[in-house]
Amino acid sequence: MKKLIPAVILFIAFAGTATAQQSFSAVDFNKNLGKNGTLCDTVYTLKVVSDTLTLLNMGGAYPNQKYTVAVKGNKITLDLANLKGKPLCVTGVFILYKGRPEIEVEEPDRINMKKTD
């Protein structure tokens, strides 16, 4: 029995590590606050706030999204209204808005359709 306990603990530790590597990491996001970074995920919901601000909720529907992409300005040429359910890669500044992960984007070349394999 004593030999079984360490084996079970080791198995649980590796299982937890494998799961963490496949999911969104808020810790990694927080380590990169204020820096440019790229995240790829699926758009679950979006909200057009004004003609110069659209919020894309990535990795889950609001209020359970992994992070939000704040698309600012009027230079973005993508048809934002038809992005729901589509995979995107977004490059921008990692910030926290009201304690939640957010990426701000103002340039069109920062939003790209993710190529599926």
C-alpha atoms as a PDB file:
ATOM      1  CA  MET A   1       0.000   0.000   0.000  1.00  0.00           C
ATOM      2  CA  LYS A   2       2.873   2.384   0.821  1.00  0.00           C
ATOM      3  CA  LYS A   3       4.282   1.965  -2.692  1.00  0.00           C
ATOM      4  CA  LEU A   4       0.901   2.706  -4.271  1.00  0.00           C
ATOM      5  CA  ILE A   5       0.417   6.099  -2.606  1.00  0.00           C
ATOM      6  CA  PRO A   6       3.510   7.779  -4.174  1.00  0.00           C
ATOM      7  CA  ALA A   7       2.581   6.323  -7.573  1.00  0.00           C
ATOM      8  CA  VAL A   8      -0.944   7.763  -7.311  1.00  0.00           C
ATOM      9  CA  ILE A   9       0.395  11.166  -6.231  1.00  0.00           C
ATOM     10  CA  LEU A  10       2.858  11.182  -9.133  1.00  0.00           C
ATOM     11  CA  PHE A  11       0.100  10.238 -11.590  1.00  0.00           C
ATOM     12  CA  ILE A  12      -2.167  13.036 -10.324  1.00  0.00           C
ATOM     13  CA  ALA A  13       0.675  15.562 -10.549  1.00  0.00           C
ATOM     14  CA  PHE A  14       1.431  14.670 -14.186  1.00  0.00           C
ATOM     15  CA  ALA A  15      -2.257  14.584 -15.126  1.00  0.00           C
ATOM     16  CA  GLY A  16      -2.698  18.097 -13.724  1.00  0.00           C
ATOM     17  CA  THR A  17       0.359  19.359 -15.602  1.00  0.00           C
ATOM     18  CA  ALA A  18      -0.843  17.928 -18.921  1.00  0.00           C
ATOM     19  CA  THR A  19      -4.243  19.565 -18.500  1.00  0.00           C
ATOM     20  CA  ALA A  20      -2.707  22.937 -17.606  1.00  0.00           C
ATOM     21  CA  GLN A  21      -0.554  22.971 -20.747  1.00  0.00           C
ATOM     22  CA  GLN A  22      -3.561  22.524 -23.023  1.00  0.00           C
ATOM     23  CA  SER A  23      -5.696  25.271 -21.501  1.00  0.00           C
ATOM     24  CA  PHE A  24      -5.549  29.036 -21.325  1.00  0.00           C
ATOM     25  CA  SER A  25      -3.188  30.191 -18.601  1.00  0.00           C
ATOM     26  CA  ALA A  26      -4.150  33.338 -16.729  1.00  0.00           C
ATOM     27  CA  VAL A  27      -0.753  33.157 -15.002  1.00  0.00           C
ATOM     28  CA  ASP A  28       1.088  33.416 -18.345  1.00  0.00           C
ATOM     29  CA  PHE A  29      -1.233  36.236 -19.393  1.00  0.00           C
ATOM     30  CA  ASN A  30      -0.477  38.107 -16.152  1.00  0.00           C
ATOM     31  CA  LYS A  31       3.276  37.646 -16.652  1.00  0.00           C
ATOM     32  CA  ASN A  32       2.957  39.482 -19.982  1.00  0.00           C
ATOM     33  CA  LEU A  33       0.834  42.440 -18.871  1.00  0.00           C
ATOM     34  CA  GLY A  34       1.735  45.583 -20.795  1.00  0.00           C
ATOM     35  CA  LYS A  35       3.513  43.585 -23.506  1.00  0.00           C
ATOM     36  CA  ASN A  36       2.416  42.620 -27.007  1.00  0.00           C
ATOM     37  CA  GLY A  37       1.399  39.018 -27.421  1.00  0.00           C
ATOM     38  CA  THR A  38      -0.657  36.742 -29.660  1.00  0.00           C
ATOM     39  CA  LEU A  39      -3.497  34.493 -28.564  1.00  0.00           C
ATOM     40  CA  CYS A  40      -5.530  32.186 -30.778  1.00  0.00           C
ATOM     41  CA  ASP A  41      -8.983  30.972 -29.837  1.00  0.00           C
ATOM     42  CA  THR A  42     -12.610  30.870 -30.954  1.00  0.00           C
ATOM     43  CA  VAL A  43     -14.944  33.870 -30.855  1.00  0.00           C
ATOM     44  CA  TYR A  44     -17.935  32.845 -28.751  1.00  0.00           C
ATOM     45  CA  THR A  45     -19.807  36.128 -28.462  1.00  0.00           C
ATOM     46  CA  LEU A  46     -19.320  39.725 -29.482  1.00  0.00           C
ATOM     47  CA  LYS A  47     -20.800  43.058 -28.565  1.00  0.00           C
ATOM     48  CA  VAL A  48     -20.720  46.165 -30.730  1.00  0.00           C
ATOM     49  CA  VAL A  49     -20.477  48.964 -28.179  1.00  0.00           C
ATOM     50  CA  SER A  50     -20.125  51.785 -30.703  1.00  0.00           C
ATOM     51  CA  ASP A  51     -18.872  52.405 -34.236  1.00  0.00           C
ATOM     52  CA  THR A  52     -15.340  52.528 -32.790  1.00  0.00           C
ATOM     53  CA  LEU A  53     -15.471  49.737 -30.175  1.00  0.00           C
ATOM     54  CA  THR A  54     -16.348  46.053 -30.540  1.00  0.00           C
ATOM     55  CA  LEU A  55     -15.727  43.467 -27.829  1.00  0.00           C
ATOM     56  CA  LEU A  56     -14.935  39.886 -28.885  1.00  0.00           C
ATOM     57  CA  ASN A  57     -15.275  37.270 -26.133  1.00  0.00           C
ATOM     58  CA  MET A  58     -12.782  34.508 -26.830  1.00  0.00           C
ATOM     59  CA  GLY A  59     -12.664  30.988 -25.441  1.00  0.00           C
ATOM     60  CA  GLY A  60     -16.118  31.194 -23.860  1.00  0.00           C
ATOM     61  CA  ALA A  61     -19.309  33.220 -23.843  1.00  0.00           C
ATOM     62  CA  TYR A  62     -19.652  36.322 -21.688  1.00  0.00           C
ATOM     63  CA  PRO A  63     -19.303  36.416 -18.667  1.00  0.00           C
ATOM     64  CA  ASN A  64     -17.216  33.207 -18.713  1.00  0.00           C
ATOM     65  CA  GLN A  65     -14.811  34.169 -21.502  1.00  0.00           C
ATOM     66  CA  LYS A  66     -11.116  33.384 -21.167  1.00  0.00           C
ATOM     67  CA  TYR A  67     -10.286  36.872 -22.400  1.00  0.00           C
ATOM     68  CA  THR A  68     -11.826  39.768 -24.288  1.00  0.00           C
ATOM     69  CA  VAL A  69     -10.484  41.452 -27.395  1.00  0.00           C
ATOM     70  CA  ALA A  70     -11.278  45.170 -27.465  1.00  0.00           C
ATOM     71  CA  VAL A  71     -11.275  46.184 -31.134  1.00  0.00           C
ATOM     72  CA  LYS A  72     -10.877  49.958 -31.122  1.00  0.00           C
ATOM     73  CA  GLY A  73     -11.043  52.475 -33.932  1.00  0.00           C
ATOM     74  CA  ASN A  74     -12.548  52.246 -37.374  1.00  0.00           C
ATOM     75  CA  LYS A  75      -9.598  50.826 -39.354  1.00  0.00           C
ATOM     76  CA  ILE A  76     -10.588  47.169 -38.886  1.00  0.00           C
ATOM     77  CA  THR A  77     -11.950  45.848 -42.178  1.00  0.00           C
ATOM     78  CA  LEU A  78     -12.996  42.363 -41.036  1.00  0.00           C
ATOM     79  CA  ASP A  79     -16.720  41.716 -40.918  1.00  0.00           C
ATOM     80  CA  LEU A  80     -16.783  41.579 -37.121  1.00  0.00           C
ATOM     81  CA  ALA A  81     -20.470  40.658 -36.982  1.00  0.00           C
ATOM     82  CA  ASN A  82     -19.757  37.328 -38.734  1.00  0.00           C
ATOM     83  CA  LEU A  83     -16.849  36.206 -36.546  1.00  0.00           C
ATOM     84  CA  LYS A  84     -18.956  34.306 -33.995  1.00  0.00           C
ATOM     85  CA  GLY A  85     -17.819  30.681 -33.872  1.00  0.00           C
ATOM     86  CA  LYS A  86     -14.710  31.359 -35.949  1.00  0.00           C
ATOM     87  CA  PRO A  87     -11.127  30.791 -34.803  1.00  0.00           C
ATOM     88  CA  LEU A  88      -8.971  33.931 -34.671  1.00  0.00           C
ATOM     89  CA  CYS A  89      -5.439  34.878 -33.762  1.00  0.00           C
ATOM     90  CA  VAL A  90      -5.138  38.312 -32.196  1.00  0.00           C
ATOM     91  CA  THR A  91      -1.966  40.261 -31.451  1.00  0.00           C
ATOM     92  CA  GLY A  92      -2.101  43.188 -29.082  1.00  0.00           C
ATOM     93  CA  VAL A  93      -1.246  44.566 -25.676  1.00  0.00           C
ATOM     94  CA  PHE A  94      -2.142  42.293 -22.759  1.00  0.00           C
ATOM     95  CA  ILE A  95      -4.021  44.257 -20.087  1.00  0.00           C
ATOM     96  CA  LEU A  96      -6.419  43.620 -17.241  1.00  0.00           C
ATOM     97  CA  TYR A  97      -9.756  45.396 -17.497  1.00  0.00           C
ATOM     98  CA  LYS A  98     -11.733  45.210 -14.262  1.00  0.00           C
ATOM     99  CA  GLY A  99      -9.502  42.309 -13.260  1.00  0.00           C
ATOM    100  CA  ARG A 100     -10.211  40.288 -16.434  1.00  0.00           C
ATOM    101  CA  PRO A 101      -7.725  39.485 -19.253  1.00  0.00           C
ATOM    102  CA  GLU A 102      -8.120  41.716 -22.294  1.00  0.00           C
ATOM    103  CA  ILE A 103      -6.207  42.475 -25.477  1.00  0.00           C
ATOM    104  CA  GLU A 104      -6.528  45.879 -27.142  1.00  0.00           C
ATOM    105  CA  VAL A 105      -6.336  45.982 -30.934  1.00  0.00           C
ATOM    106  CA  GLU A 106      -6.396  49.037 -33.215  1.00  0.00           C
ATOM    107  CA  GLU A 107      -4.665  47.866 -36.392  1.00  0.00           C
ATOM    108  CA  PRO A 108      -6.244  45.525 -39.004  1.00  0.00           C
ATOM    109  CA  ASP A 109      -3.141  43.359 -39.383  1.00  0.00           C
ATOM    110  CA  ARG A 110      -3.399  42.367 -35.705  1.00  0.00           C
ATOM    111  CA  ILE A 111      -6.494  40.181 -36.274  1.00  0.00           C
ATOM    112  CA  ASN A 112      -6.137  37.100 -38.469  1.00  0.00           C
ATOM    113  CA  MET A 113      -8.357  34.154 -39.185  1.00  0.00           C
ATOM    114  CA  LYS A 114      -6.724  31.109 -37.633  1.00  0.00           C
ATOM    115  CA  LYS A 115      -5.857  28.456 -40.174  1.00  0.00           C
ATOM    116  CA  THR A 116      -7.380  25.108 -39.248  1.00  0.00           C
ATOM    117  CA  ASP A 117      -5.437  21.913 -39.927  1.00  0.00           C
END
